[in-house]
Amino acid sequence: MSGVGEFVASAWRDGLGPDDRDRMVKLAASGERSPIFELFVALYQLGNDIKVELAPPPDGAAARVLYASANLSLARLALDPPTIDAAIERLGDALDAIDPSDPKGDAAQAWADLALGELAVAIRDVRAARRRYEAVAAVGRPVALRITAMIRLAGLAMDRIDAEPARNWARKATALAETSKRPAQAARARIGWGLLDYMAGDGAAMRKTLGAAIDKGKDSAIARLMLAGIEKGGKAMQLLADGLKEAVEQGDPLGYTLCVLIGSRRYVTMNRDGDALVTISAGIVQLQSFAPFFASILVDERAAWMRDWGSERWGEAEAMAMRLLEAATR
């Protein structure tokens, strides 16, 4: 079997995640191609909210489900309701056409559920998103997709007051990724877990969770900067800014949201309300462009500040934020 053939077989079996990226890029650069390989590449890119042009659909009922899932993701990114409605209808038709005995049927259904879950998040239907992600996370579905779904479920479960349900999903994602020998996904899940420990106010647990990530070495720089967020020193704020940039580049809305929360709350504890307001407001604008549900979490956080601080402190923070923005644009 060719290199592309082996990759396609593993993508059907295990799904795709960050651990597969280097191999995928090398195969694409080699010039060896096939329609189904091109489709899996497109699905990977769409999973990171990168718009692509789709080639004609490959043969096979299961492959046509993947193609319809990719089209739905493109429609979601275009934010065009008529196109989304048409894409959902085509996906439903493609799913109906699968023979129950098709060995690729479960994998195709998982890809479809993942695309539908992402759409539900985009339109803020949390209940529908949770159902879809839980279906993908079920035992027997492709392992890389299961891990992705668990990380998404951690994001959906994230609550400003009670982070425990989200921590539970992050733990499950970390354990599955580690036992499946998918270190990049394990690192991403563990970092999310550590950040959720922080949200829960459990600094000791955060140090333990992220200390394990540092010991394993994969993406340890991110874990180190997260730990810096709870330590003393102004350098921690720059490290958090670097973490924000990396989370955006990796298409990681959970990590980005939690970095913004940590950074803005850190500014509040430093009595720098203006900086906190600029940080969280910029995070809201950024997330609204690629992950609206997570933006709503920051909106709630900012609203809590307005309520808790009172009009005088809030007005002073707004004035300071405007001065900071004016200075930055000079």
C-alpha atoms as a PDB file:
ATOM      1  CA  MET A   1       0.000   0.000   0.000  1.00  0.00           C
ATOM      2  CA  SER A   2       1.287   3.492  -0.877  1.00  0.00           C
ATOM      3  CA  GLY A   3       2.047   6.161   1.687  1.00  0.00           C
ATOM      4  CA  VAL A   4      -1.131   8.023   0.791  1.00  0.00           C
ATOM      5  CA  GLY A   5      -3.088   4.779   0.913  1.00  0.00           C
ATOM      6  CA  GLU A   6      -1.797   4.022   4.410  1.00  0.00           C
ATOM      7  CA  PHE A   7      -2.608   7.562   5.533  1.00  0.00           C
ATOM      8  CA  VAL A   8      -6.155   7.321   4.185  1.00  0.00           C
ATOM      9  CA  ALA A   9      -6.667   3.957   5.909  1.00  0.00           C
ATOM     10  CA  SER A  10      -5.506   5.386   9.246  1.00  0.00           C
ATOM     11  CA  ALA A  11      -7.641   8.512   8.762  1.00  0.00           C
ATOM     12  CA  TRP A  12     -10.735   6.345   8.285  1.00  0.00           C
ATOM     13  CA  ARG A  13      -9.817   4.253  11.319  1.00  0.00           C
ATOM     14  CA  ASP A  14      -8.530   6.915  13.736  1.00  0.00           C
ATOM     15  CA  GLY A  15      -9.668  10.263  12.378  1.00  0.00           C
ATOM     16  CA  LEU A  16      -7.281  13.210  12.183  1.00  0.00           C
ATOM     17  CA  GLY A  17      -5.712  15.476  14.785  1.00  0.00           C
ATOM     18  CA  PRO A  18      -2.570  17.570  15.301  1.00  0.00           C
ATOM     19  CA  ASP A  19      -0.443  14.412  15.615  1.00  0.00           C
ATOM     20  CA  ASP A  20      -1.169  13.645  11.951  1.00  0.00           C
ATOM     21  CA  ARG A  21      -0.258  17.053  10.574  1.00  0.00           C
ATOM     22  CA  ASP A  22       3.442  16.519   9.801  1.00  0.00           C
ATOM     23  CA  ARG A  23       2.817  13.236   8.025  1.00  0.00           C
ATOM     24  CA  MET A  24      -0.027  14.784   6.039  1.00  0.00           C
ATOM     25  CA  VAL A  25       2.090  17.769   4.975  1.00  0.00           C
ATOM     26  CA  LYS A  26       4.957  15.526   3.833  1.00  0.00           C
ATOM     27  CA  LEU A  27       2.627  13.352   1.775  1.00  0.00           C
ATOM     28  CA  ALA A  28       1.015  16.405   0.193  1.00  0.00           C
ATOM     29  CA  ALA A  29       4.457  17.771  -0.711  1.00  0.00           C
ATOM     30  CA  SER A  30       5.498  14.446  -2.258  1.00  0.00           C
ATOM     31  CA  GLY A  31       3.025  14.882  -5.091  1.00  0.00           C
ATOM     32  CA  GLU A  32       1.273  11.588  -4.383  1.00  0.00           C
ATOM     33  CA  ARG A  33      -2.431  12.381  -4.279  1.00  0.00           C
ATOM     34  CA  SER A  34      -5.878  10.820  -4.396  1.00  0.00           C
ATOM     35  CA  PRO A  35      -9.383  12.309  -4.168  1.00  0.00           C
ATOM     36  CA  ILE A  36     -10.049  10.865  -0.715  1.00  0.00           C
ATOM     37  CA  PHE A  37      -6.630  12.024   0.546  1.00  0.00           C
ATOM     38  CA  GLU A  38      -7.419  15.547  -0.689  1.00  0.00           C
ATOM     39  CA  LEU A  39     -10.753  15.380   1.116  1.00  0.00           C
ATOM     40  CA  PHE A  40      -9.132  14.353   4.413  1.00  0.00           C
ATOM     41  CA  VAL A  41      -6.648  17.244   4.053  1.00  0.00           C
ATOM     42  CA  ALA A  42      -9.586  19.601   3.528  1.00  0.00           C
ATOM     43  CA  LEU A  43     -11.401  18.213   6.574  1.00  0.00           C
ATOM     44  CA  TYR A  44      -8.294  18.744   8.706  1.00  0.00           C
ATOM     45  CA  GLN A  45      -7.988  22.357   7.550  1.00  0.00           C
ATOM     46  CA  LEU A  46     -11.687  23.026   8.050  1.00  0.00           C
ATOM     47  CA  GLY A  47     -11.358  21.617  11.552  1.00  0.00           C
ATOM     48  CA  ASN A  48      -9.001  24.540  12.190  1.00  0.00           C
ATOM     49  CA  ASP A  49     -11.469  26.982  10.578  1.00  0.00           C
ATOM     50  CA  ILE A  50      -9.346  27.385   7.434  1.00  0.00           C
ATOM     51  CA  LYS A  51     -11.417  27.895   4.297  1.00  0.00           C
ATOM     52  CA  VAL A  52     -10.537  25.577   1.403  1.00  0.00           C
ATOM     53  CA  GLU A  53     -11.693  24.792  -2.109  1.00  0.00           C
ATOM     54  CA  LEU A  54     -13.111  21.297  -2.417  1.00  0.00           C
ATOM     55  CA  ALA A  55     -12.324  19.041  -5.352  1.00  0.00           C
ATOM     56  CA  PRO A  56     -15.123  16.875  -6.793  1.00  0.00           C
ATOM     57  CA  PRO A  57     -16.360  14.248  -4.290  1.00  0.00           C
ATOM     58  CA  PRO A  58     -14.642  10.839  -4.185  1.00  0.00           C
ATOM     59  CA  ASP A  59     -16.530   7.638  -4.945  1.00  0.00           C
ATOM     60  CA  GLY A  60     -18.344   5.751  -2.202  1.00  0.00           C
ATOM     61  CA  ALA A  61     -21.276   6.497   0.085  1.00  0.00           C
ATOM     62  CA  ALA A  62     -19.133   7.035   3.204  1.00  0.00           C
ATOM     63  CA  ALA A  63     -16.789   9.374   1.320  1.00  0.00           C
ATOM     64  CA  ARG A  64     -19.776  11.386   0.128  1.00  0.00           C
ATOM     65  CA  VAL A  65     -20.781  11.880   3.782  1.00  0.00           C
ATOM     66  CA  LEU A  66     -17.310  13.273   4.475  1.00  0.00           C
ATOM     67  CA  TYR A  67     -17.650  15.533   1.445  1.00  0.00           C
ATOM     68  CA  ALA A  68     -21.060  16.768   2.624  1.00  0.00           C
ATOM     69  CA  SER A  69     -19.590  17.352   6.111  1.00  0.00           C
ATOM     70  CA  ALA A  70     -16.807  19.448   4.572  1.00  0.00           C
ATOM     71  CA  ASN A  71     -19.371  21.451   2.607  1.00  0.00           C
ATOM     72  CA  LEU A  72     -21.324  22.089   5.809  1.00  0.00           C
ATOM     73  CA  SER A  73     -18.162  23.370   7.499  1.00  0.00           C
ATOM     74  CA  LEU A  74     -17.551  25.722   4.564  1.00  0.00           C
ATOM     75  CA  ALA A  75     -21.132  26.976   4.803  1.00  0.00           C
ATOM     76  CA  ARG A  76     -20.669  27.564   8.541  1.00  0.00           C
ATOM     77  CA  LEU A  77     -17.538  29.611   7.910  1.00  0.00           C
ATOM     78  CA  ALA A  78     -19.386  31.632   5.274  1.00  0.00           C
ATOM     79  CA  LEU A  79     -22.141  32.438   7.801  1.00  0.00           C
ATOM     80  CA  ASP A  80     -24.770  32.171   5.045  1.00  0.00           C
ATOM     81  CA  PRO A  81     -28.075  30.694   6.341  1.00  0.00           C
ATOM     82  CA  PRO A  82     -29.446  29.519   2.939  1.00  0.00           C
ATOM     83  CA  THR A  83     -26.141  27.808   2.141  1.00  0.00           C
ATOM     84  CA  ILE A  84     -26.095  26.202   5.597  1.00  0.00           C
ATOM     85  CA  ASP A  85     -29.657  24.911   5.165  1.00  0.00           C
ATOM     86  CA  ALA A  86     -28.795  23.401   1.787  1.00  0.00           C
ATOM     87  CA  ALA A  87     -25.619  21.826   3.182  1.00  0.00           C
ATOM     88  CA  ILE A  88     -27.544  20.244   6.077  1.00  0.00           C
ATOM     89  CA  GLU A  89     -30.044  18.759   3.618  1.00  0.00           C
ATOM     90  CA  ARG A  90     -27.264  17.320   1.442  1.00  0.00           C
ATOM     91  CA  LEU A  91     -25.562  15.848   4.499  1.00  0.00           C
ATOM     92  CA  GLY A  92     -28.808  14.208   5.587  1.00  0.00           C
ATOM     93  CA  ASP A  93     -29.260  12.690   2.113  1.00  0.00           C
ATOM     94  CA  ALA A  94     -25.675  11.406   2.144  1.00  0.00           C
ATOM     95  CA  LEU A  95     -26.152   9.795   5.563  1.00  0.00           C
ATOM     96  CA  ASP A  96     -29.388   8.141   4.406  1.00  0.00           C
ATOM     97  CA  ALA A  97     -27.531   6.593   1.469  1.00  0.00           C
ATOM     98  CA  ILE A  98     -25.038   4.676   3.632  1.00  0.00           C
ATOM     99  CA  ASP A  99     -25.593   0.930   3.859  1.00  0.00           C
ATOM    100  CA  PRO A 100     -25.800  -0.149   7.541  1.00  0.00           C
ATOM    101  CA  SER A 101     -23.186  -2.812   6.793  1.00  0.00           C
ATOM    102  CA  ASP A 102     -20.642  -0.305   5.417  1.00  0.00           C
ATOM    103  CA  PRO A 103     -17.521  -0.675   7.627  1.00  0.00           C
ATOM    104  CA  LYS A 104     -16.784   3.035   7.150  1.00  0.00           C
ATOM    105  CA  GLY A 105     -20.271   4.084   8.179  1.00  0.00           C
ATOM    106  CA  ASP A 106     -19.500   4.792  11.845  1.00  0.00           C
ATOM    107  CA  ALA A 107     -16.499   6.922  10.926  1.00  0.00           C
ATOM    108  CA  ALA A 108     -18.551   8.845   8.380  1.00  0.00           C
ATOM    109  CA  GLN A 109     -21.253   9.457  10.985  1.00  0.00           C
ATOM    110  CA  ALA A 110     -18.622  10.738  13.431  1.00  0.00           C
ATOM    111  CA  TRP A 111     -17.292  13.257  10.899  1.00  0.00           C
ATOM    112  CA  ALA A 112     -20.885  14.352  10.209  1.00  0.00           C
ATOM    113  CA  ASP A 113     -21.668  14.737  13.919  1.00  0.00           C
ATOM    114  CA  LEU A 114     -18.491  16.762  14.422  1.00  0.00           C
ATOM    115  CA  ALA A 115     -19.453  19.156  11.594  1.00  0.00           C
ATOM    116  CA  LEU A 116     -22.984  19.468  12.972  1.00  0.00           C
ATOM    117  CA  GLY A 117     -21.611  20.088  16.461  1.00  0.00           C
ATOM    118  CA  GLU A 118     -19.385  22.904  15.198  1.00  0.00           C
ATOM    119  CA  LEU A 119     -22.384  24.444  13.461  1.00  0.00           C
ATOM    120  CA  ALA A 120     -24.448  24.199  16.646  1.00  0.00           C
ATOM    121  CA  VAL A 121     -21.701  26.010  18.561  1.00  0.00           C
ATOM    122  CA  ALA A 122     -21.601  28.735  15.899  1.00  0.00           C
ATOM    123  CA  ILE A 123     -25.338  29.391  16.283  1.00  0.00           C
ATOM    124  CA  ARG A 124     -25.088  29.027  20.089  1.00  0.00           C
ATOM    125  CA  ASP A 125     -27.295  25.957  20.341  1.00  0.00           C
ATOM    126  CA  VAL A 126     -25.350  24.477  23.238  1.00  0.00           C
ATOM    127  CA  ARG A 127     -27.724  21.574  23.807  1.00  0.00           C
ATOM    128  CA  ALA A 128     -27.496  20.389  20.188  1.00  0.00           C
ATOM    129  CA  ALA A 129     -23.724  20.831  20.185  1.00  0.00           C
ATOM    130  CA  ARG A 130     -23.413  18.746  23.336  1.00  0.00           C
ATOM    131  CA  ARG A 131     -25.482  15.914  21.819  1.00  0.00           C
ATOM    132  CA  ARG A 132     -23.370  15.847  18.672  1.00  0.00           C
ATOM    133  CA  TYR A 133     -20.052  15.954  20.499  1.00  0.00           C
ATOM    134  CA  GLU A 134     -21.146  13.250  22.934  1.00  0.00           C
ATOM    135  CA  ALA A 135     -22.001  11.050  19.937  1.00  0.00           C
ATOM    136  CA  VAL A 136     -18.518  11.600  18.511  1.00  0.00           C
ATOM    137  CA  ALA A 137     -16.901  10.939  21.907  1.00  0.00           C
ATOM    138  CA  ALA A 138     -18.578   7.524  22.212  1.00  0.00           C
ATOM    139  CA  VAL A 139     -16.448   4.381  22.390  1.00  0.00           C
ATOM    140  CA  GLY A 140     -15.854   2.928  18.937  1.00  0.00           C
ATOM    141  CA  ARG A 141     -15.641   6.213  17.059  1.00  0.00           C
ATOM    142  CA  PRO A 142     -12.277   7.299  15.523  1.00  0.00           C
ATOM    143  CA  VAL A 143      -9.980   8.072  18.424  1.00  0.00           C
ATOM    144  CA  ALA A 144      -8.657  11.440  17.214  1.00  0.00           C
ATOM    145  CA  LEU A 145     -12.221  12.637  16.674  1.00  0.00           C
ATOM    146  CA  ARG A 146     -13.208  11.362  20.125  1.00  0.00           C
ATOM    147  CA  ILE A 147     -10.435  13.409  21.715  1.00  0.00           C
ATOM    148  CA  THR A 148     -11.428  16.503  19.735  1.00  0.00           C
ATOM    149  CA  ALA A 149     -15.050  16.043  20.810  1.00  0.00           C
ATOM    150  CA  MET A 150     -14.057  15.673  24.476  1.00  0.00           C
ATOM    151  CA  ILE A 151     -12.042  18.893  24.300  1.00  0.00           C
ATOM    152  CA  ARG A 152     -15.040  20.614  22.699  1.00  0.00           C
ATOM    153  CA  LEU A 153     -17.273  19.234  25.464  1.00  0.00           C
ATOM    154  CA  ALA A 154     -14.890  20.688  28.025  1.00  0.00           C
ATOM    155  CA  GLY A 155     -15.364  24.052  26.364  1.00  0.00           C
ATOM    156  CA  LEU A 156     -19.144  23.735  26.382  1.00  0.00           C
ATOM    157  CA  ALA A 157     -19.139  22.695  30.030  1.00  0.00           C
ATOM    158  CA  MET A 158     -16.931  25.596  31.030  1.00  0.00           C
ATOM    159  CA  ASP A 159     -18.719  27.801  33.516  1.00  0.00           C
ATOM    160  CA  ARG A 160     -17.459  30.966  35.163  1.00  0.00           C
ATOM    161  CA  ILE A 161     -18.366  29.690  38.626  1.00  0.00           C
ATOM    162  CA  ASP A 162     -18.267  25.881  38.386  1.00  0.00           C
ATOM    163  CA  ALA A 163     -15.509  24.509  36.141  1.00  0.00           C
ATOM    164  CA  GLU A 164     -15.729  20.902  37.395  1.00  0.00           C
ATOM    165  CA  PRO A 165     -17.784  19.426  34.506  1.00  0.00           C
ATOM    166  CA  ALA A 166     -15.304  20.921  32.045  1.00  0.00           C
ATOM    167  CA  ARG A 167     -12.359  19.583  34.044  1.00  0.00           C
ATOM    168  CA  ASN A 168     -13.887  16.106  33.868  1.00  0.00           C
ATOM    169  CA  TRP A 169     -14.066  16.178  30.058  1.00  0.00           C
ATOM    170  CA  ALA A 170     -10.528  17.570  29.866  1.00  0.00           C
ATOM    171  CA  ARG A 171      -9.277  14.724  32.070  1.00  0.00           C
ATOM    172  CA  LYS A 172     -10.999  12.155  29.839  1.00  0.00           C
ATOM    173  CA  ALA A 173      -9.550  13.729  26.703  1.00  0.00           C
ATOM    174  CA  THR A 174      -6.063  13.740  28.215  1.00  0.00           C
ATOM    175  CA  ALA A 175      -6.280  10.097  29.298  1.00  0.00           C
ATOM    176  CA  LEU A 176      -7.591   8.913  25.929  1.00  0.00           C
ATOM    177  CA  ALA A 177      -4.962  10.853  24.003  1.00  0.00           C
ATOM    178  CA  GLU A 178      -2.142   9.521  26.174  1.00  0.00           C
ATOM    179  CA  THR A 179      -3.272   5.886  26.011  1.00  0.00           C
ATOM    180  CA  SER A 180      -3.751   6.252  22.223  1.00  0.00           C
ATOM    181  CA  LYS A 181      -0.190   7.621  21.871  1.00  0.00           C
ATOM    182  CA  ARG A 182      -1.306  10.930  20.382  1.00  0.00           C
ATOM    183  CA  PRO A 183       1.064  13.324  22.209  1.00  0.00           C
ATOM    184  CA  ALA A 184       0.057  16.549  20.464  1.00  0.00           C
ATOM    185  CA  GLN A 185      -3.615  16.056  21.298  1.00  0.00           C
ATOM    186  CA  ALA A 186      -2.671  14.940  24.814  1.00  0.00           C
ATOM    187  CA  ALA A 187      -0.670  18.132  25.334  1.00  0.00           C
ATOM    188  CA  ARG A 188      -3.537  20.298  24.105  1.00  0.00           C
ATOM    189  CA  ALA A 189      -6.025  18.493  26.352  1.00  0.00           C
ATOM    190  CA  ARG A 190      -3.716  18.652  29.386  1.00  0.00           C
ATOM    191  CA  ILE A 191      -3.163  22.374  28.909  1.00  0.00           C
ATOM    192  CA  GLY A 192      -6.922  22.901  28.747  1.00  0.00           C
ATOM    193  CA  TRP A 193      -7.252  20.809  31.905  1.00  0.00           C
ATOM    194  CA  GLY A 194      -4.648  22.917  33.702  1.00  0.00           C
ATOM    195  CA  LEU A 195      -6.341  26.134  32.679  1.00  0.00           C
ATOM    196  CA  LEU A 196      -9.640  24.802  33.963  1.00  0.00           C
ATOM    197  CA  ASP A 197      -7.913  23.980  37.254  1.00  0.00           C
ATOM    198  CA  TYR A 198      -6.993  27.660  37.371  1.00  0.00           C
ATOM    199  CA  MET A 199     -10.589  28.704  36.713  1.00  0.00           C
ATOM    200  CA  ALA A 200     -11.686  26.480  39.572  1.00  0.00           C
ATOM    201  CA  GLY A 201      -9.264  28.340  41.849  1.00  0.00           C
ATOM    202  CA  ASP A 202      -7.176  25.197  42.371  1.00  0.00           C
ATOM    203  CA  GLY A 203      -3.623  26.434  41.932  1.00  0.00           C
ATOM    204  CA  ALA A 204      -2.083  23.270  43.378  1.00  0.00           C
ATOM    205  CA  ALA A 205      -3.960  21.101  40.883  1.00  0.00           C
ATOM    206  CA  MET A 206      -2.922  23.411  38.043  1.00  0.00           C
ATOM    207  CA  ARG A 207       0.737  23.097  38.992  1.00  0.00           C
ATOM    208  CA  LYS A 208       0.405  19.287  39.123  1.00  0.00           C
ATOM    209  CA  THR A 209      -1.480  19.036  35.814  1.00  0.00           C
ATOM    210  CA  LEU A 210       0.813  21.338  33.864  1.00  0.00           C
ATOM    211  CA  GLY A 211       3.921  20.006  35.605  1.00  0.00           C
ATOM    212  CA  ALA A 212       3.152  16.650  33.978  1.00  0.00           C
ATOM    213  CA  ALA A 213       2.930  18.374  30.582  1.00  0.00           C
ATOM    214  CA  ILE A 214       6.343  19.940  31.139  1.00  0.00           C
ATOM    215  CA  ASP A 215       7.816  16.571  32.149  1.00  0.00           C
ATOM    216  CA  LYS A 216       6.471  14.972  28.959  1.00  0.00           C
ATOM    217  CA  GLY A 217       8.105  17.730  26.906  1.00  0.00           C
ATOM    218  CA  LYS A 218       5.405  18.097  24.213  1.00  0.00           C
ATOM    219  CA  ASP A 219       4.365  21.763  23.864  1.00  0.00           C
ATOM    220  CA  SER A 220       5.918  22.373  27.283  1.00  0.00           C
ATOM    221  CA  ALA A 221       6.453  26.048  26.473  1.00  0.00           C
ATOM    222  CA  ILE A 222       2.700  26.609  26.575  1.00  0.00           C
ATOM    223  CA  ALA A 223       2.419  24.780  29.892  1.00  0.00           C
ATOM    224  CA  ARG A 224       5.251  26.893  31.297  1.00  0.00           C
ATOM    225  CA  LEU A 225       3.615  30.144  30.265  1.00  0.00           C
ATOM    226  CA  MET A 226       0.332  29.022  31.810  1.00  0.00           C
ATOM    227  CA  LEU A 227       2.122  28.362  35.079  1.00  0.00           C
ATOM    228  CA  ALA A 228       3.719  31.779  34.776  1.00  0.00           C
ATOM    229  CA  GLY A 229       0.202  33.191  34.832  1.00  0.00           C
ATOM    230  CA  ILE A 230      -0.191  32.287  38.504  1.00  0.00           C
ATOM    231  CA  GLU A 231       3.294  33.275  39.573  1.00  0.00           C
ATOM    232  CA  LYS A 232       4.535  36.727  40.546  1.00  0.00           C
ATOM    233  CA  GLY A 233       6.282  39.045  38.125  1.00  0.00           C
ATOM    234  CA  GLY A 234       5.374  41.279  35.181  1.00  0.00           C
ATOM    235  CA  LYS A 235       6.983  38.861  32.722  1.00  0.00           C
ATOM    236  CA  ALA A 236       4.019  36.543  33.220  1.00  0.00           C
ATOM    237  CA  MET A 237       1.761  38.955  31.317  1.00  0.00           C
ATOM    238  CA  GLN A 238       3.997  38.889  28.258  1.00  0.00           C
ATOM    239  CA  LEU A 239       4.089  35.113  28.423  1.00  0.00           C
ATOM    240  CA  LEU A 240       0.301  35.050  28.489  1.00  0.00           C
ATOM    241  CA  ALA A 241       0.217  37.317  25.437  1.00  0.00           C
ATOM    242  CA  ASP A 242       2.482  34.843  23.647  1.00  0.00           C
ATOM    243  CA  GLY A 243       0.097  32.080  24.663  1.00  0.00           C
ATOM    244  CA  LEU A 244      -2.830  33.961  23.150  1.00  0.00           C
ATOM    245  CA  LYS A 245      -0.995  34.265  19.845  1.00  0.00           C
ATOM    246  CA  GLU A 246      -0.152  30.569  19.798  1.00  0.00           C
ATOM    247  CA  ALA A 247      -3.722  29.560  20.663  1.00  0.00           C
ATOM    248  CA  VAL A 248      -5.012  31.582  17.697  1.00  0.00           C
ATOM    249  CA  GLU A 249      -2.428  30.043  15.353  1.00  0.00           C
ATOM    250  CA  GLN A 250      -3.402  26.554  16.497  1.00  0.00           C
ATOM    251  CA  GLY A 251      -7.131  27.217  16.125  1.00  0.00           C
ATOM    252  CA  ASP A 252      -7.686  26.443  19.805  1.00  0.00           C
ATOM    253  CA  PRO A 253     -10.667  28.505  21.034  1.00  0.00           C
ATOM    254  CA  LEU A 254     -10.709  26.877  24.487  1.00  0.00           C
ATOM    255  CA  GLY A 255      -7.054  27.692  25.085  1.00  0.00           C
ATOM    256  CA  TYR A 256      -7.503  31.210  23.730  1.00  0.00           C
ATOM    257  CA  THR A 257     -10.545  31.879  25.920  1.00  0.00           C
ATOM    258  CA  LEU A 258      -8.834  30.652  29.050  1.00  0.00           C
ATOM    259  CA  CYS A 259      -5.670  32.635  28.298  1.00  0.00           C
ATOM    260  CA  VAL A 260      -7.789  35.782  28.006  1.00  0.00           C
ATOM    261  CA  LEU A 261      -9.548  34.975  31.285  1.00  0.00           C
ATOM    262  CA  ILE A 262      -6.280  34.354  33.108  1.00  0.00           C
ATOM    263  CA  GLY A 263      -4.626  37.445  31.685  1.00  0.00           C
ATOM    264  CA  SER A 264      -7.540  39.798  32.301  1.00  0.00           C
ATOM    265  CA  ARG A 265      -8.178  38.488  35.826  1.00  0.00           C
ATOM    266  CA  ARG A 266      -4.461  38.846  36.547  1.00  0.00           C
ATOM    267  CA  TYR A 267      -4.657  42.509  35.537  1.00  0.00           C
ATOM    268  CA  VAL A 268      -7.612  42.975  37.896  1.00  0.00           C
ATOM    269  CA  THR A 269      -5.617  41.577  40.815  1.00  0.00           C
ATOM    270  CA  MET A 270      -2.806  43.991  39.877  1.00  0.00           C
ATOM    271  CA  ASN A 271      -5.296  46.927  40.073  1.00  0.00           C
ATOM    272  CA  ARG A 272      -4.916  47.524  36.344  1.00  0.00           C
ATOM    273  CA  ASP A 273      -8.602  47.582  35.438  1.00  0.00           C
ATOM    274  CA  GLY A 274      -8.027  49.419  32.159  1.00  0.00           C
ATOM    275  CA  ASP A 275      -5.618  46.745  30.931  1.00  0.00           C
ATOM    276  CA  ALA A 276      -8.060  44.068  32.031  1.00  0.00           C
ATOM    277  CA  LEU A 277     -10.888  45.692  30.076  1.00  0.00           C
ATOM    278  CA  VAL A 278      -8.790  46.070  26.929  1.00  0.00           C
ATOM    279  CA  THR A 279      -7.614  42.457  27.151  1.00  0.00           C
ATOM    280  CA  ILE A 280     -11.039  40.913  27.607  1.00  0.00           C
ATOM    281  CA  SER A 281     -12.705  43.184  25.032  1.00  0.00           C
ATOM    282  CA  ALA A 282     -10.066  42.354  22.423  1.00  0.00           C
ATOM    283  CA  GLY A 283     -10.567  38.673  23.202  1.00  0.00           C
ATOM    284  CA  ILE A 284     -14.310  39.012  22.658  1.00  0.00           C
ATOM    285  CA  VAL A 285     -13.810  40.641  19.262  1.00  0.00           C
ATOM    286  CA  GLN A 286     -11.312  37.969  18.205  1.00  0.00           C
ATOM    287  CA  LEU A 287     -13.494  35.047  19.312  1.00  0.00           C
ATOM    288  CA  GLN A 288     -16.629  36.451  17.690  1.00  0.00           C
ATOM    289  CA  SER A 289     -14.891  35.971  14.341  1.00  0.00           C
ATOM    290  CA  PHE A 290     -14.183  32.241  14.755  1.00  0.00           C
ATOM    291  CA  ALA A 291     -15.782  30.883  17.952  1.00  0.00           C
ATOM    292  CA  PRO A 292     -18.886  32.861  19.004  1.00  0.00           C
ATOM    293  CA  PHE A 293     -19.829  30.549  21.864  1.00  0.00           C
ATOM    294  CA  PHE A 294     -16.528  31.168  23.614  1.00  0.00           C
ATOM    295  CA  ALA A 295     -16.915  34.904  23.032  1.00  0.00           C
ATOM    296  CA  SER A 296     -20.148  34.737  25.039  1.00  0.00           C
ATOM    297  CA  ILE A 297     -18.187  33.370  28.022  1.00  0.00           C
ATOM    298  CA  LEU A 298     -15.968  36.447  28.004  1.00  0.00           C
ATOM    299  CA  VAL A 299     -18.996  38.703  27.546  1.00  0.00           C
ATOM    300  CA  ASP A 300     -20.485  37.189  30.707  1.00  0.00           C
ATOM    301  CA  GLU A 301     -17.208  37.716  32.565  1.00  0.00           C
ATOM    302  CA  ARG A 302     -17.061  41.374  31.534  1.00  0.00           C
ATOM    303  CA  ALA A 303     -20.706  41.873  32.523  1.00  0.00           C
ATOM    304  CA  ALA A 304     -19.914  40.444  35.966  1.00  0.00           C
ATOM    305  CA  TRP A 305     -17.154  43.040  36.370  1.00  0.00           C
ATOM    306  CA  MET A 306     -19.554  45.847  35.495  1.00  0.00           C
ATOM    307  CA  ARG A 307     -22.053  44.536  38.025  1.00  0.00           C
ATOM    308  CA  ASP A 308     -19.533  43.905  40.811  1.00  0.00           C
ATOM    309  CA  TRP A 309     -17.344  46.986  40.421  1.00  0.00           C
ATOM    310  CA  GLY A 310     -20.065  49.623  40.516  1.00  0.00           C
ATOM    311  CA  SER A 311     -20.470  52.602  38.212  1.00  0.00           C
ATOM    312  CA  GLU A 312     -17.542  54.654  39.533  1.00  0.00           C
ATOM    313  CA  ARG A 313     -14.884  51.950  39.233  1.00  0.00           C
ATOM    314  CA  TRP A 314     -16.309  50.790  35.901  1.00  0.00           C
ATOM    315  CA  GLY A 315     -16.256  54.333  34.520  1.00  0.00           C
ATOM    316  CA  GLU A 316     -12.645  54.777  35.571  1.00  0.00           C
ATOM    317  CA  ALA A 317     -11.722  51.468  33.922  1.00  0.00           C
ATOM    318  CA  GLU A 318     -13.411  52.508  30.660  1.00  0.00           C
ATOM    319  CA  ALA A 319     -11.607  55.839  30.669  1.00  0.00           C
ATOM    320  CA  MET A 320      -8.260  54.134  31.276  1.00  0.00           C
ATOM    321  CA  ALA A 321      -8.976  51.589  28.529  1.00  0.00           C
ATOM    322  CA  MET A 322      -9.693  54.398  26.050  1.00  0.00           C
ATOM    323  CA  ARG A 323      -6.426  56.130  26.968  1.00  0.00           C
ATOM    324  CA  LEU A 324      -4.521  52.887  26.444  1.00  0.00           C
ATOM    325  CA  LEU A 325      -6.112  52.356  23.036  1.00  0.00           C
ATOM    326  CA  GLU A 326      -5.414  55.940  21.988  1.00  0.00           C
ATOM    327  CA  ALA A 327      -1.772  55.601  23.021  1.00  0.00           C
ATOM    328  CA  ALA A 328      -1.457  52.356  21.075  1.00  0.00           C
ATOM    329  CA  THR A 329      -2.705  53.950  17.839  1.00  0.00           C
ATOM    330  CA  ARG A 330      -0.440  56.990  17.914  1.00  0.00           C
END
